Amino acid sequence: MSLKTNSEVTSLPSTVDLSAPFIVLQWGVRMLDELTELLDAAIYKEIASQAFYIAGQNKTQDPGAKALMKELAEEELKHSQWLKNLKEKGLEKQEWHQEKVPNLMISEYLTGGDTLEGASVQDTLLFAMKREQQAIEFYSKMMSVMRNKAAKRLCQRLVREELKHKLKLETLYDDMLFFEEN
């Protein structure tokens, strides 16, 4: 099975949102490679995010925003390496504990953050928070259509990881606003 972009997909279950800026899985009668395709999609998403933050560094003059985008790009590289390692070693040997990750939901109530063009640190944080929220939604939707139990577990893990990233960004954003107010 091969990965397809949104524009190449012709028929999917109605539970998949084609407006999401991520690739989706090709659907077939047998989904034996579901886990591999999910890992490939997740790796692709992390690499694309890394490239986006690298390119974003050239779109702003704000040194703080440039430094934040560099850090975000490095984080996305670590995530893609972790996923590649999972793909090579297999999921069956992984021991994952299911910790609850709080969601401050700051990005859900803020507008903006649609571009990195001329972005400040605050704009960059908002942009990154919204990207993490998109990833959470993507993996949540993928979990609902996966048949393979290991693929469903991986989706749960990816949702938690993205929630952790979003929490880190939202905490930084909140701390920054608190600091500016005092």
C-alpha atoms as a PDB file:
ATOM      1  CA  MET A   1       0.000   0.000   0.000  1.00  0.00           C
ATOM      2  CA  SER A   2       1.185   3.485  -0.705  1.00  0.00           C
ATOM      3  CA  LEU A   3       0.578   6.840   0.905  1.00  0.00           C
ATOM      4  CA  LYS A   4      -1.570   9.328  -0.941  1.00  0.00           C
ATOM      5  CA  THR A   5      -2.037  13.049  -0.488  1.00  0.00           C
ATOM      6  CA  ASN A   6      -5.468  14.547   0.136  1.00  0.00           C
ATOM      7  CA  SER A   7      -5.825  15.557  -3.517  1.00  0.00           C
ATOM      8  CA  GLU A   8      -5.138  11.992  -4.714  1.00  0.00           C
ATOM      9  CA  VAL A   9      -7.695  10.301  -2.479  1.00  0.00           C
ATOM     10  CA  THR A  10     -11.020   9.511  -4.099  1.00  0.00           C
ATOM     11  CA  SER A  11     -12.935   7.475  -1.526  1.00  0.00           C
ATOM     12  CA  LEU A  12     -12.560   7.464   2.237  1.00  0.00           C
ATOM     13  CA  PRO A  13     -14.838   6.750   5.162  1.00  0.00           C
ATOM     14  CA  SER A  14     -16.904   9.815   6.075  1.00  0.00           C
ATOM     15  CA  THR A  15     -15.094  10.120   9.430  1.00  0.00           C
ATOM     16  CA  VAL A  16     -11.890  11.442   7.822  1.00  0.00           C
ATOM     17  CA  ASP A  17     -11.614  15.213   7.401  1.00  0.00           C
ATOM     18  CA  LEU A  18      -9.929  15.942   4.077  1.00  0.00           C
ATOM     19  CA  SER A  19      -9.331  19.568   5.038  1.00  0.00           C
ATOM     20  CA  ALA A  20      -6.572  18.515   7.455  1.00  0.00           C
ATOM     21  CA  PRO A  21      -3.148  19.417   6.031  1.00  0.00           C
ATOM     22  CA  PHE A  22      -1.800  15.917   6.423  1.00  0.00           C
ATOM     23  CA  ILE A  23      -1.617  12.881   4.198  1.00  0.00           C
ATOM     24  CA  VAL A  24      -4.215  10.196   4.713  1.00  0.00           C
ATOM     25  CA  LEU A  25      -4.021   6.442   4.404  1.00  0.00           C
ATOM     26  CA  GLN A  26      -5.051   4.606   1.259  1.00  0.00           C
ATOM     27  CA  TRP A  27      -8.045   2.401   2.056  1.00  0.00           C
ATOM     28  CA  GLY A  28      -8.228  -1.156   0.822  1.00  0.00           C
ATOM     29  CA  VAL A  29      -9.920  -4.420   1.634  1.00  0.00           C
ATOM     30  CA  ARG A  30      -7.014  -5.653   3.744  1.00  0.00           C
ATOM     31  CA  MET A  31      -5.297  -3.282   6.139  1.00  0.00           C
ATOM     32  CA  LEU A  32      -2.415  -5.510   7.189  1.00  0.00           C
ATOM     33  CA  ASP A  33       0.015  -2.654   6.686  1.00  0.00           C
ATOM     34  CA  GLU A  34      -2.054  -0.161   8.696  1.00  0.00           C
ATOM     35  CA  LEU A  35       0.609   0.271  11.316  1.00  0.00           C
ATOM     36  CA  THR A  36       3.393   0.795   8.787  1.00  0.00           C
ATOM     37  CA  GLU A  37       1.322   3.348   6.892  1.00  0.00           C
ATOM     38  CA  LEU A  38       0.444   5.162  10.102  1.00  0.00           C
ATOM     39  CA  LEU A  39       4.113   5.334  11.060  1.00  0.00           C
ATOM     40  CA  ASP A  40       5.017   6.549   7.562  1.00  0.00           C
ATOM     41  CA  ALA A  41       2.326   9.247   7.769  1.00  0.00           C
ATOM     42  CA  ALA A  42       3.521  10.324  11.230  1.00  0.00           C
ATOM     43  CA  ILE A  43       7.160  10.445  10.091  1.00  0.00           C
ATOM     44  CA  TYR A  44       6.154  12.483   7.044  1.00  0.00           C
ATOM     45  CA  LYS A  45       4.194  14.913   9.242  1.00  0.00           C
ATOM     46  CA  GLU A  46       7.155  15.427  11.570  1.00  0.00           C
ATOM     47  CA  ILE A  47       9.586  15.987   8.689  1.00  0.00           C
ATOM     48  CA  ALA A  48       7.166  18.437   7.050  1.00  0.00           C
ATOM     49  CA  SER A  49       6.823  20.348  10.333  1.00  0.00           C
ATOM     50  CA  GLN A  50      10.581  20.460  10.728  1.00  0.00           C
ATOM     51  CA  ALA A  51      10.976  21.876   7.199  1.00  0.00           C
ATOM     52  CA  PHE A  52       8.232  24.401   7.886  1.00  0.00           C
ATOM     53  CA  TYR A  53       9.992  25.744  10.988  1.00  0.00           C
ATOM     54  CA  ILE A  54      13.352  25.842   9.218  1.00  0.00           C
ATOM     55  CA  ALA A  55      11.813  27.860   6.369  1.00  0.00           C
ATOM     56  CA  GLY A  56       9.972  30.051   8.882  1.00  0.00           C
ATOM     57  CA  GLN A  57      13.258  31.252  10.348  1.00  0.00           C
ATOM     58  CA  ASN A  58      13.845  33.212   7.133  1.00  0.00           C
ATOM     59  CA  LYS A  59      10.416  34.844   7.279  1.00  0.00           C
ATOM     60  CA  THR A  60      10.949  36.879  10.431  1.00  0.00           C
ATOM     61  CA  GLN A  61      13.436  39.411  11.726  1.00  0.00           C
ATOM     62  CA  ASP A  62      12.583  38.730  15.379  1.00  0.00           C
ATOM     63  CA  PRO A  63      15.612  36.982  16.949  1.00  0.00           C
ATOM     64  CA  GLY A  64      13.435  35.367  19.637  1.00  0.00           C
ATOM     65  CA  ALA A  65      11.061  33.967  17.021  1.00  0.00           C
ATOM     66  CA  LYS A  66      14.010  32.658  14.976  1.00  0.00           C
ATOM     67  CA  ALA A  67      15.445  30.921  18.047  1.00  0.00           C
ATOM     68  CA  LEU A  68      12.057  29.418  18.921  1.00  0.00           C
ATOM     69  CA  MET A  69      11.574  28.134  15.355  1.00  0.00           C
ATOM     70  CA  LYS A  70      15.055  26.600  15.437  1.00  0.00           C
ATOM     71  CA  GLU A  71      14.171  24.820  18.700  1.00  0.00           C
ATOM     72  CA  LEU A  72      10.830  23.661  17.264  1.00  0.00           C
ATOM     73  CA  ALA A  73      12.582  22.299  14.145  1.00  0.00           C
ATOM     74  CA  GLU A  74      15.006  20.369  16.365  1.00  0.00           C
ATOM     75  CA  GLU A  75      12.073  18.935  18.354  1.00  0.00           C
ATOM     76  CA  GLU A  76      10.361  17.788  15.154  1.00  0.00           C
ATOM     77  CA  LEU A  77      13.621  16.096  14.068  1.00  0.00           C
ATOM     78  CA  LYS A  78      13.722  14.218  17.388  1.00  0.00           C
ATOM     79  CA  HIS A  79      10.099  13.150  16.902  1.00  0.00           C
ATOM     80  CA  SER A  80      10.757  11.830  13.392  1.00  0.00           C
ATOM     81  CA  GLN A  81      13.826   9.924  14.629  1.00  0.00           C
ATOM     82  CA  TRP A  82      11.768   8.398  17.473  1.00  0.00           C
ATOM     83  CA  LEU A  83       9.109   7.278  14.977  1.00  0.00           C
ATOM     84  CA  LYS A  84      11.707   5.840  12.584  1.00  0.00           C
ATOM     85  CA  ASN A  85      13.198   3.914  15.490  1.00  0.00           C
ATOM     86  CA  LEU A  86       9.739   2.587  16.403  1.00  0.00           C
ATOM     87  CA  LYS A  87       9.211   1.493  12.822  1.00  0.00           C
ATOM     88  CA  GLU A  88      12.541  -0.363  12.761  1.00  0.00           C
ATOM     89  CA  LYS A  89      12.202  -2.047  16.170  1.00  0.00           C
ATOM     90  CA  GLY A  90       8.474  -2.666  16.073  1.00  0.00           C
ATOM     91  CA  LEU A  91       5.709  -1.681  18.445  1.00  0.00           C
ATOM     92  CA  GLU A  92       5.146  -5.016  20.128  1.00  0.00           C
ATOM     93  CA  LYS A  93       8.131  -4.544  22.449  1.00  0.00           C
ATOM     94  CA  GLN A  94       7.134  -1.047  23.548  1.00  0.00           C
ATOM     95  CA  GLU A  95       5.928  -0.465  27.106  1.00  0.00           C
ATOM     96  CA  TRP A  96       3.779   2.660  27.268  1.00  0.00           C
ATOM     97  CA  HIS A  97       2.115   3.999  30.343  1.00  0.00           C
ATOM     98  CA  GLN A  98      -1.015   6.026  29.852  1.00  0.00           C
ATOM     99  CA  GLU A  99      -0.462   9.261  31.714  1.00  0.00           C
ATOM    100  CA  LYS A 100      -3.118  11.956  31.577  1.00  0.00           C
ATOM    101  CA  VAL A 101      -1.887  15.108  29.849  1.00  0.00           C
ATOM    102  CA  PRO A 102      -3.696  18.340  30.693  1.00  0.00           C
ATOM    103  CA  ASN A 103      -4.945  20.560  27.890  1.00  0.00           C
ATOM    104  CA  LEU A 104      -4.912  24.270  28.744  1.00  0.00           C
ATOM    105  CA  MET A 105      -6.925  24.934  25.547  1.00  0.00           C
ATOM    106  CA  ILE A 106      -5.313  28.348  25.098  1.00  0.00           C
ATOM    107  CA  SER A 107      -4.928  28.004  21.334  1.00  0.00           C
ATOM    108  CA  GLU A 108      -8.586  27.034  20.923  1.00  0.00           C
ATOM    109  CA  TYR A 109      -9.619  30.492  22.156  1.00  0.00           C
ATOM    110  CA  LEU A 110      -7.083  32.616  20.286  1.00  0.00           C
ATOM    111  CA  THR A 111      -7.207  33.911  16.741  1.00  0.00           C
ATOM    112  CA  GLY A 112      -4.276  34.416  14.415  1.00  0.00           C
ATOM    113  CA  GLY A 113      -1.203  32.261  14.135  1.00  0.00           C
ATOM    114  CA  ASP A 114      -1.917  31.505  10.494  1.00  0.00           C
ATOM    115  CA  THR A 115       1.523  32.399   9.148  1.00  0.00           C
ATOM    116  CA  LEU A 116       5.126  32.746  10.222  1.00  0.00           C
ATOM    117  CA  GLU A 117       5.681  35.698   7.876  1.00  0.00           C
ATOM    118  CA  GLY A 118       7.058  38.510  10.064  1.00  0.00           C
ATOM    119  CA  ALA A 119       6.180  36.512  13.183  1.00  0.00           C
ATOM    120  CA  SER A 120       7.042  37.564  16.706  1.00  0.00           C
ATOM    121  CA  VAL A 121       7.748  35.028  19.455  1.00  0.00           C
ATOM    122  CA  GLN A 122       4.086  35.237  20.506  1.00  0.00           C
ATOM    123  CA  ASP A 123       2.925  34.688  16.878  1.00  0.00           C
ATOM    124  CA  THR A 124       5.297  31.733  16.533  1.00  0.00           C
ATOM    125  CA  LEU A 125       3.982  30.145  19.731  1.00  0.00           C
ATOM    126  CA  LEU A 126       0.399  30.572  18.578  1.00  0.00           C
ATOM    127  CA  PHE A 127       1.207  29.099  15.166  1.00  0.00           C
ATOM    128  CA  ALA A 128       2.965  26.114  16.753  1.00  0.00           C
ATOM    129  CA  MET A 129       0.122  25.530  19.249  1.00  0.00           C
ATOM    130  CA  LYS A 130      -2.396  25.440  16.409  1.00  0.00           C
ATOM    131  CA  ARG A 131      -0.228  22.975  14.455  1.00  0.00           C
ATOM    132  CA  GLU A 132      -0.054  20.710  17.493  1.00  0.00           C
ATOM    133  CA  GLN A 133      -3.852  20.912  17.822  1.00  0.00           C
ATOM    134  CA  GLN A 134      -4.195  19.880  14.157  1.00  0.00           C
ATOM    135  CA  ALA A 135      -1.931  16.895  14.837  1.00  0.00           C
ATOM    136  CA  ILE A 136      -4.011  15.909  17.887  1.00  0.00           C
ATOM    137  CA  GLU A 137      -7.164  16.014  15.776  1.00  0.00           C
ATOM    138  CA  PHE A 138      -5.506  14.040  12.970  1.00  0.00           C
ATOM    139  CA  TYR A 139      -4.320  11.197  15.216  1.00  0.00           C
ATOM    140  CA  SER A 140      -7.661  11.139  17.067  1.00  0.00           C
ATOM    141  CA  LYS A 141      -9.485  10.689  13.766  1.00  0.00           C
ATOM    142  CA  MET A 142      -7.005   8.058  12.609  1.00  0.00           C
ATOM    143  CA  MET A 143      -7.572   6.141  15.856  1.00  0.00           C
ATOM    144  CA  SER A 144     -11.283   5.930  15.067  1.00  0.00           C
ATOM    145  CA  VAL A 145     -10.694   4.316  11.653  1.00  0.00           C
ATOM    146  CA  MET A 146      -7.821   1.975  12.489  1.00  0.00           C
ATOM    147  CA  ARG A 147      -8.612  -1.727  12.753  1.00  0.00           C
ATOM    148  CA  ASN A 148      -5.242  -2.925  13.992  1.00  0.00           C
ATOM    149  CA  LYS A 149      -4.939  -2.766  17.818  1.00  0.00           C
ATOM    150  CA  ALA A 150      -1.265  -1.800  17.680  1.00  0.00           C
ATOM    151  CA  ALA A 151      -2.131   1.040  15.265  1.00  0.00           C
ATOM    152  CA  LYS A 152      -4.860   2.254  17.632  1.00  0.00           C
ATOM    153  CA  ARG A 153      -2.373   2.159  20.543  1.00  0.00           C
ATOM    154  CA  LEU A 154       0.129   4.102  18.466  1.00  0.00           C
ATOM    155  CA  CYS A 155      -2.534   6.721  17.685  1.00  0.00           C
ATOM    156  CA  GLN A 156      -3.256   7.052  21.409  1.00  0.00           C
ATOM    157  CA  ARG A 157       0.448   7.496  22.094  1.00  0.00           C
ATOM    158  CA  LEU A 158       0.800  10.073  19.314  1.00  0.00           C
ATOM    159  CA  VAL A 159      -2.188  12.034  20.639  1.00  0.00           C
ATOM    160  CA  ARG A 160      -0.551  12.110  24.095  1.00  0.00           C
ATOM    161  CA  GLU A 161       2.798  13.174  22.613  1.00  0.00           C
ATOM    162  CA  GLU A 162       1.180  16.000  20.647  1.00  0.00           C
ATOM    163  CA  LEU A 163      -0.756  17.045  23.779  1.00  0.00           C
ATOM    164  CA  LYS A 164       2.559  17.220  25.660  1.00  0.00           C
ATOM    165  CA  HIS A 165       4.056  19.423  22.954  1.00  0.00           C
ATOM    166  CA  LYS A 166       0.990  21.657  22.956  1.00  0.00           C
ATOM    167  CA  LEU A 167       1.061  21.896  26.773  1.00  0.00           C
ATOM    168  CA  LYS A 168       4.717  22.954  26.671  1.00  0.00           C
ATOM    169  CA  LEU A 169       3.939  25.665  24.103  1.00  0.00           C
ATOM    170  CA  GLU A 170       0.803  26.851  25.895  1.00  0.00           C
ATOM    171  CA  THR A 171       2.649  27.035  29.215  1.00  0.00           C
ATOM    172  CA  LEU A 172       5.418  29.086  27.599  1.00  0.00           C
ATOM    173  CA  TYR A 173       2.804  31.345  25.983  1.00  0.00           C
ATOM    174  CA  ASP A 174       0.962  31.783  29.286  1.00  0.00           C
ATOM    175  CA  ASP A 175       4.213  32.499  31.164  1.00  0.00           C
ATOM    176  CA  MET A 176       5.195  35.045  28.507  1.00  0.00           C
ATOM    177  CA  LEU A 177       1.872  36.890  28.791  1.00  0.00           C
ATOM    178  CA  PHE A 178       2.037  36.807  32.596  1.00  0.00           C
ATOM    179  CA  PHE A 179       5.581  38.252  32.469  1.00  0.00           C
ATOM    180  CA  GLU A 180       4.470  41.035  30.080  1.00  0.00           C
ATOM    181  CA  GLU A 181       1.550  41.986  32.345  1.00  0.00           C
ATOM    182  CA  ASN A 182       3.770  42.326  35.464  1.00  0.00           C
END
